[in-house]
Amino acid sequence: MAERCAPDGNPEEIDADQNAGEKASGDKVNALQKRLQPSEELAAVDRLGPAAPGEMVSKIWEYIARTPAEPEDRREIVADDKLRRVFGKDKVTMSR
């Protein structure tokens, strides 16, 4: 059995059965883990296929890292043909 602190600060025991119930309900895929089909424009960027949103963002950043940046302002992404279809413009500024 595991321990956790009760609201009053005293440790209390948790039955393994209680933890099992949490795992059973954990079978649901949350929105950040759900695999999504990207739009046609987004899928064209580095041949993206169905992926979780976080995976898509990582792959897009990997692609952007391989594209040229504005020499005068490294925060600006110069869009190639594929990124231009996604962003709708020639340059996009990264924010911090």
N, C-alpha and C. Protein backbone atom coordinates (compact mmCIF):
# COMPACT_ATOMS: atom_id res chain seq x y z
N MET A 1 0.82 -1.18 0.00
CA MET A 1 0.00 0.00 0.00
C MET A 1 0.87 1.25 0.00
N ALA A 2 0.39 2.26 -0.66
CA ALA A 2 1.12 3.53 -0.73
C ALA A 2 0.56 4.50 0.30
N GLU A 3 1.33 5.56 0.56
CA GLU A 3 0.86 6.58 1.49
C GLU A 3 0.70 7.89 0.76
N ARG A 4 -0.22 8.68 1.24
CA ARG A 4 -0.37 10.05 0.79
C ARG A 4 -0.79 10.86 1.99
N CYS A 5 -0.69 12.17 1.89
CA CYS A 5 -1.08 13.02 3.01
C CYS A 5 -2.54 13.38 2.88
N ALA A 6 -3.22 13.27 4.00
CA ALA A 6 -4.62 13.69 4.07
C ALA A 6 -4.63 15.21 4.17
N PRO A 7 -5.80 15.84 3.97
CA PRO A 7 -5.87 17.30 4.06
C PRO A 7 -5.33 17.86 5.38
N ASP A 8 -5.42 17.06 6.47
CA ASP A 8 -4.91 17.55 7.76
C ASP A 8 -3.40 17.36 7.89
N GLY A 9 -2.73 16.80 6.89
CA GLY A 9 -1.29 16.63 6.90
C GLY A 9 -0.83 15.28 7.40
N ASN A 10 -1.74 14.46 7.93
CA ASN A 10 -1.37 13.14 8.41
C ASN A 10 -1.39 12.14 7.27
N PRO A 11 -0.39 11.23 7.24
CA PRO A 11 -0.40 10.24 6.16
C PRO A 11 -1.58 9.29 6.27
N GLU A 12 -2.10 8.88 5.13
CA GLU A 12 -3.16 7.89 5.11
C GLU A 12 -2.81 6.85 4.06
N GLU A 13 -3.27 5.64 4.25
CA GLU A 13 -2.96 4.57 3.32
C GLU A 13 -3.98 4.54 2.19
N ILE A 14 -3.50 4.17 1.02
CA ILE A 14 -4.35 4.02 -0.15
C ILE A 14 -4.32 2.56 -0.54
N ASP A 15 -5.48 1.97 -0.67
CA ASP A 15 -5.54 0.57 -1.08
C ASP A 15 -5.11 0.44 -2.53
N ALA A 16 -4.52 -0.68 -2.86
CA ALA A 16 -4.14 -0.94 -4.24
C ALA A 16 -5.37 -0.94 -5.14
N ASP A 17 -6.53 -1.35 -4.59
CA ASP A 17 -7.76 -1.35 -5.37
C ASP A 17 -8.14 0.06 -5.80
N GLN A 18 -7.90 1.05 -4.93
CA GLN A 18 -8.21 2.42 -5.30
C GLN A 18 -7.33 2.87 -6.46
N ASN A 19 -6.06 2.52 -6.40
CA ASN A 19 -5.15 2.87 -7.49
C ASN A 19 -5.53 2.17 -8.78
N ALA A 20 -6.00 0.93 -8.68
CA ALA A 20 -6.41 0.19 -9.87
C ALA A 20 -7.57 0.89 -10.55
N GLY A 21 -8.50 1.44 -9.77
CA GLY A 21 -9.63 2.16 -10.33
C GLY A 21 -9.18 3.39 -11.10
N GLU A 22 -8.13 4.05 -10.60
CA GLU A 22 -7.62 5.22 -11.29
C GLU A 22 -6.99 4.82 -12.62
N LYS A 23 -6.31 3.70 -12.65
CA LYS A 23 -5.69 3.24 -13.89
C LYS A 23 -6.75 2.86 -14.91
N ALA A 24 -7.82 2.24 -14.44
CA ALA A 24 -8.88 1.82 -15.36
C ALA A 24 -9.49 3.05 -16.03
N SER A 25 -9.70 4.11 -15.24
CA SER A 25 -10.27 5.31 -15.85
C SER A 25 -9.21 6.04 -16.67
N GLY A 26 -7.93 5.70 -16.45
CA GLY A 26 -6.84 6.31 -17.20
C GLY A 26 -6.73 5.78 -18.62
N ASP A 27 -7.61 4.83 -18.98
CA ASP A 27 -7.59 4.29 -20.33
C ASP A 27 -8.00 5.33 -21.36
N LYS A 28 -8.69 6.37 -20.91
CA LYS A 28 -9.10 7.43 -21.83
C LYS A 28 -7.86 8.20 -22.28
N VAL A 29 -7.84 8.55 -23.53
CA VAL A 29 -6.74 9.33 -24.05
C VAL A 29 -7.11 10.80 -23.89
N ASN A 30 -6.22 11.57 -23.22
CA ASN A 30 -6.56 12.98 -23.06
C ASN A 30 -6.29 13.72 -24.37
N ALA A 31 -6.73 14.95 -24.43
CA ALA A 31 -6.67 15.72 -25.68
C ALA A 31 -5.24 15.92 -26.17
N LEU A 32 -4.27 15.98 -25.26
CA LEU A 32 -2.89 16.19 -25.67
C LEU A 32 -2.23 14.93 -26.20
N GLN A 33 -2.82 13.78 -25.95
CA GLN A 33 -2.27 12.52 -26.41
C GLN A 33 -3.02 11.95 -27.62
N LYS A 34 -4.19 12.48 -27.89
CA LYS A 34 -5.01 11.97 -28.98
C LYS A 34 -4.34 12.26 -30.33
N ARG A 35 -4.24 11.25 -31.16
CA ARG A 35 -3.63 11.41 -32.47
C ARG A 35 -4.64 12.10 -33.40
N LEU A 36 -4.18 13.15 -34.06
CA LEU A 36 -5.03 13.93 -34.95
C LEU A 36 -4.47 13.89 -36.36
N GLN A 37 -5.36 14.01 -37.31
CA GLN A 37 -4.95 14.08 -38.72
C GLN A 37 -4.69 15.55 -39.04
N PRO A 38 -3.47 15.91 -39.44
CA PRO A 38 -3.20 17.32 -39.76
C PRO A 38 -3.89 17.73 -41.05
N SER A 39 -4.08 19.03 -41.21
CA SER A 39 -4.65 19.55 -42.45
C SER A 39 -3.71 19.22 -43.61
N GLU A 40 -4.21 19.36 -44.81
CA GLU A 40 -3.39 19.07 -45.99
C GLU A 40 -2.14 19.94 -46.01
N GLU A 41 -2.29 21.24 -45.69
CA GLU A 41 -1.16 22.16 -45.68
C GLU A 41 -0.13 21.77 -44.63
N LEU A 42 -0.60 21.42 -43.45
CA LEU A 42 0.30 21.04 -42.37
C LEU A 42 0.95 19.69 -42.64
N ALA A 43 0.21 18.78 -43.24
CA ALA A 43 0.77 17.46 -43.56
C ALA A 43 1.89 17.56 -44.59
N ALA A 44 1.85 18.57 -45.43
CA ALA A 44 2.89 18.74 -46.45
C ALA A 44 4.23 19.14 -45.84
N VAL A 45 4.19 19.73 -44.64
CA VAL A 45 5.42 20.10 -43.96
C VAL A 45 6.08 18.83 -43.44
N ASP A 46 7.16 18.47 -44.04
CA ASP A 46 7.96 17.31 -43.61
C ASP A 46 7.14 16.02 -43.54
N ARG A 47 6.15 15.89 -44.42
CA ARG A 47 5.31 14.68 -44.53
C ARG A 47 4.73 14.25 -43.18
N LEU A 48 4.10 15.18 -42.50
CA LEU A 48 3.47 14.87 -41.22
C LEU A 48 2.26 13.97 -41.42
N GLY A 49 2.12 12.99 -40.57
CA GLY A 49 0.96 12.11 -40.59
C GLY A 49 0.21 12.26 -39.28
N PRO A 50 -0.74 11.39 -39.01
CA PRO A 50 -1.47 11.47 -37.76
C PRO A 50 -0.52 11.42 -36.56
N ALA A 51 -0.66 12.36 -35.65
CA ALA A 51 0.21 12.45 -34.48
C ALA A 51 -0.49 13.24 -33.39
N ALA A 52 0.03 13.11 -32.18
CA ALA A 52 -0.47 13.91 -31.06
C ALA A 52 -0.04 15.36 -31.29
N PRO A 53 -0.80 16.31 -30.76
CA PRO A 53 -0.46 17.72 -30.98
C PRO A 53 0.99 18.06 -30.61
N GLY A 54 1.47 17.54 -29.50
CA GLY A 54 2.84 17.82 -29.08
C GLY A 54 3.86 17.31 -30.07
N GLU A 55 3.59 16.13 -30.65
CA GLU A 55 4.49 15.57 -31.65
C GLU A 55 4.50 16.44 -32.90
N MET A 56 3.32 16.93 -33.29
CA MET A 56 3.24 17.78 -34.47
C MET A 56 4.04 19.07 -34.27
N VAL A 57 3.88 19.67 -33.10
CA VAL A 57 4.61 20.91 -32.82
C VAL A 57 6.11 20.65 -32.86
N SER A 58 6.56 19.55 -32.28
CA SER A 58 7.99 19.21 -32.29
C SER A 58 8.50 19.04 -33.71
N LYS A 59 7.74 18.35 -34.55
CA LYS A 59 8.17 18.12 -35.93
C LYS A 59 8.19 19.42 -36.72
N ILE A 60 7.23 20.31 -36.45
CA ILE A 60 7.22 21.60 -37.15
C ILE A 60 8.44 22.42 -36.74
N TRP A 61 8.77 22.42 -35.44
CA TRP A 61 9.95 23.16 -34.99
C TRP A 61 11.22 22.57 -35.58
N GLU A 62 11.29 21.25 -35.70
CA GLU A 62 12.46 20.62 -36.34
C GLU A 62 12.58 21.09 -37.79
N TYR A 63 11.46 21.16 -38.48
CA TYR A 63 11.45 21.63 -39.87
C TYR A 63 11.89 23.09 -39.93
N ILE A 64 11.34 23.91 -39.04
CA ILE A 64 11.69 25.34 -39.02
C ILE A 64 13.17 25.53 -38.73
N ALA A 65 13.74 24.69 -37.87
CA ALA A 65 15.16 24.80 -37.54
C ALA A 65 16.03 24.56 -38.77
N ARG A 66 15.53 23.83 -39.74
CA ARG A 66 16.30 23.55 -40.96
C ARG A 66 16.06 24.61 -42.04
N THR A 67 15.14 25.55 -41.81
CA THR A 67 14.88 26.59 -42.80
C THR A 67 15.67 27.84 -42.44
N PRO A 68 15.96 28.68 -43.41
CA PRO A 68 16.75 29.88 -43.10
C PRO A 68 15.95 30.88 -42.25
N ALA A 69 16.67 31.57 -41.39
CA ALA A 69 16.07 32.63 -40.59
C ALA A 69 16.49 33.97 -41.18
N GLU A 70 15.79 35.01 -40.81
CA GLU A 70 16.13 36.36 -41.26
C GLU A 70 17.50 36.72 -40.68
N PRO A 71 18.49 37.05 -41.52
CA PRO A 71 19.84 37.32 -41.01
C PRO A 71 19.89 38.48 -40.01
N GLU A 72 19.06 39.49 -40.20
CA GLU A 72 19.09 40.66 -39.33
C GLU A 72 18.33 40.43 -38.03
N ASP A 73 17.32 39.61 -38.05
CA ASP A 73 16.51 39.34 -36.85
C ASP A 73 16.25 37.84 -36.79
N ARG A 74 17.02 37.12 -35.99
CA ARG A 74 16.94 35.66 -35.93
C ARG A 74 15.60 35.17 -35.37
N ARG A 75 14.78 36.07 -34.84
CA ARG A 75 13.47 35.66 -34.33
C ARG A 75 12.45 35.50 -35.44
N GLU A 76 12.76 35.98 -36.62
CA GLU A 76 11.84 35.88 -37.74
C GLU A 76 12.10 34.61 -38.53
N ILE A 77 11.03 33.88 -38.79
CA ILE A 77 11.10 32.67 -39.61
C ILE A 77 10.73 33.07 -41.03
N VAL A 78 11.62 32.78 -41.96
CA VAL A 78 11.35 33.05 -43.37
C VAL A 78 10.68 31.80 -43.92
N ALA A 79 9.44 31.94 -44.31
CA ALA A 79 8.64 30.79 -44.75
C ALA A 79 9.02 30.36 -46.16
N ASP A 80 9.22 29.04 -46.32
CA ASP A 80 9.37 28.50 -47.66
C ASP A 80 7.96 28.23 -48.18
N ASP A 81 7.85 27.60 -49.35
CA ASP A 81 6.52 27.37 -49.94
C ASP A 81 5.59 26.59 -49.02
N LYS A 82 6.13 25.56 -48.35
CA LYS A 82 5.30 24.74 -47.47
C LYS A 82 4.82 25.52 -46.25
N LEU A 83 5.73 26.25 -45.61
CA LEU A 83 5.35 27.03 -44.42
C LEU A 83 4.45 28.20 -44.79
N ARG A 84 4.64 28.77 -45.98
CA ARG A 84 3.79 29.89 -46.42
C ARG A 84 2.34 29.45 -46.51
N ARG A 85 2.11 28.20 -46.92
CA ARG A 85 0.73 27.69 -47.00
C ARG A 85 0.12 27.53 -45.61
N VAL A 86 0.96 27.22 -44.62
CA VAL A 86 0.46 27.06 -43.25
C VAL A 86 0.26 28.42 -42.58
N PHE A 87 1.29 29.29 -42.68
CA PHE A 87 1.25 30.58 -41.99
C PHE A 87 0.43 31.64 -42.72
N GLY A 88 0.37 31.53 -44.05
CA GLY A 88 -0.35 32.53 -44.82
C GLY A 88 0.42 33.81 -45.05
N LYS A 89 1.72 33.82 -44.72
CA LYS A 89 2.57 34.98 -44.96
C LYS A 89 4.01 34.55 -45.18
N ASP A 90 4.85 35.51 -45.64
CA ASP A 90 6.23 35.20 -45.96
C ASP A 90 7.15 35.10 -44.75
N LYS A 91 6.83 35.84 -43.70
CA LYS A 91 7.65 35.84 -42.49
C LYS A 91 6.75 35.75 -41.26
N VAL A 92 7.26 35.05 -40.25
CA VAL A 92 6.53 34.93 -38.98
C VAL A 92 7.54 35.20 -37.88
N THR A 93 7.15 36.00 -36.91
CA THR A 93 8.03 36.31 -35.78
C THR A 93 7.74 35.37 -34.63
N MET A 94 8.80 34.77 -34.10
CA MET A 94 8.67 33.91 -32.91
C MET A 94 8.59 34.82 -31.69
N SER A 95 7.75 34.48 -30.76
CA SER A 95 7.67 35.25 -29.53
C SER A 95 8.32 34.45 -28.42
N ARG A 96 8.68 35.11 -27.38
CA ARG A 96 9.28 34.43 -26.23
C ARG A 96 8.25 34.23 -25.17
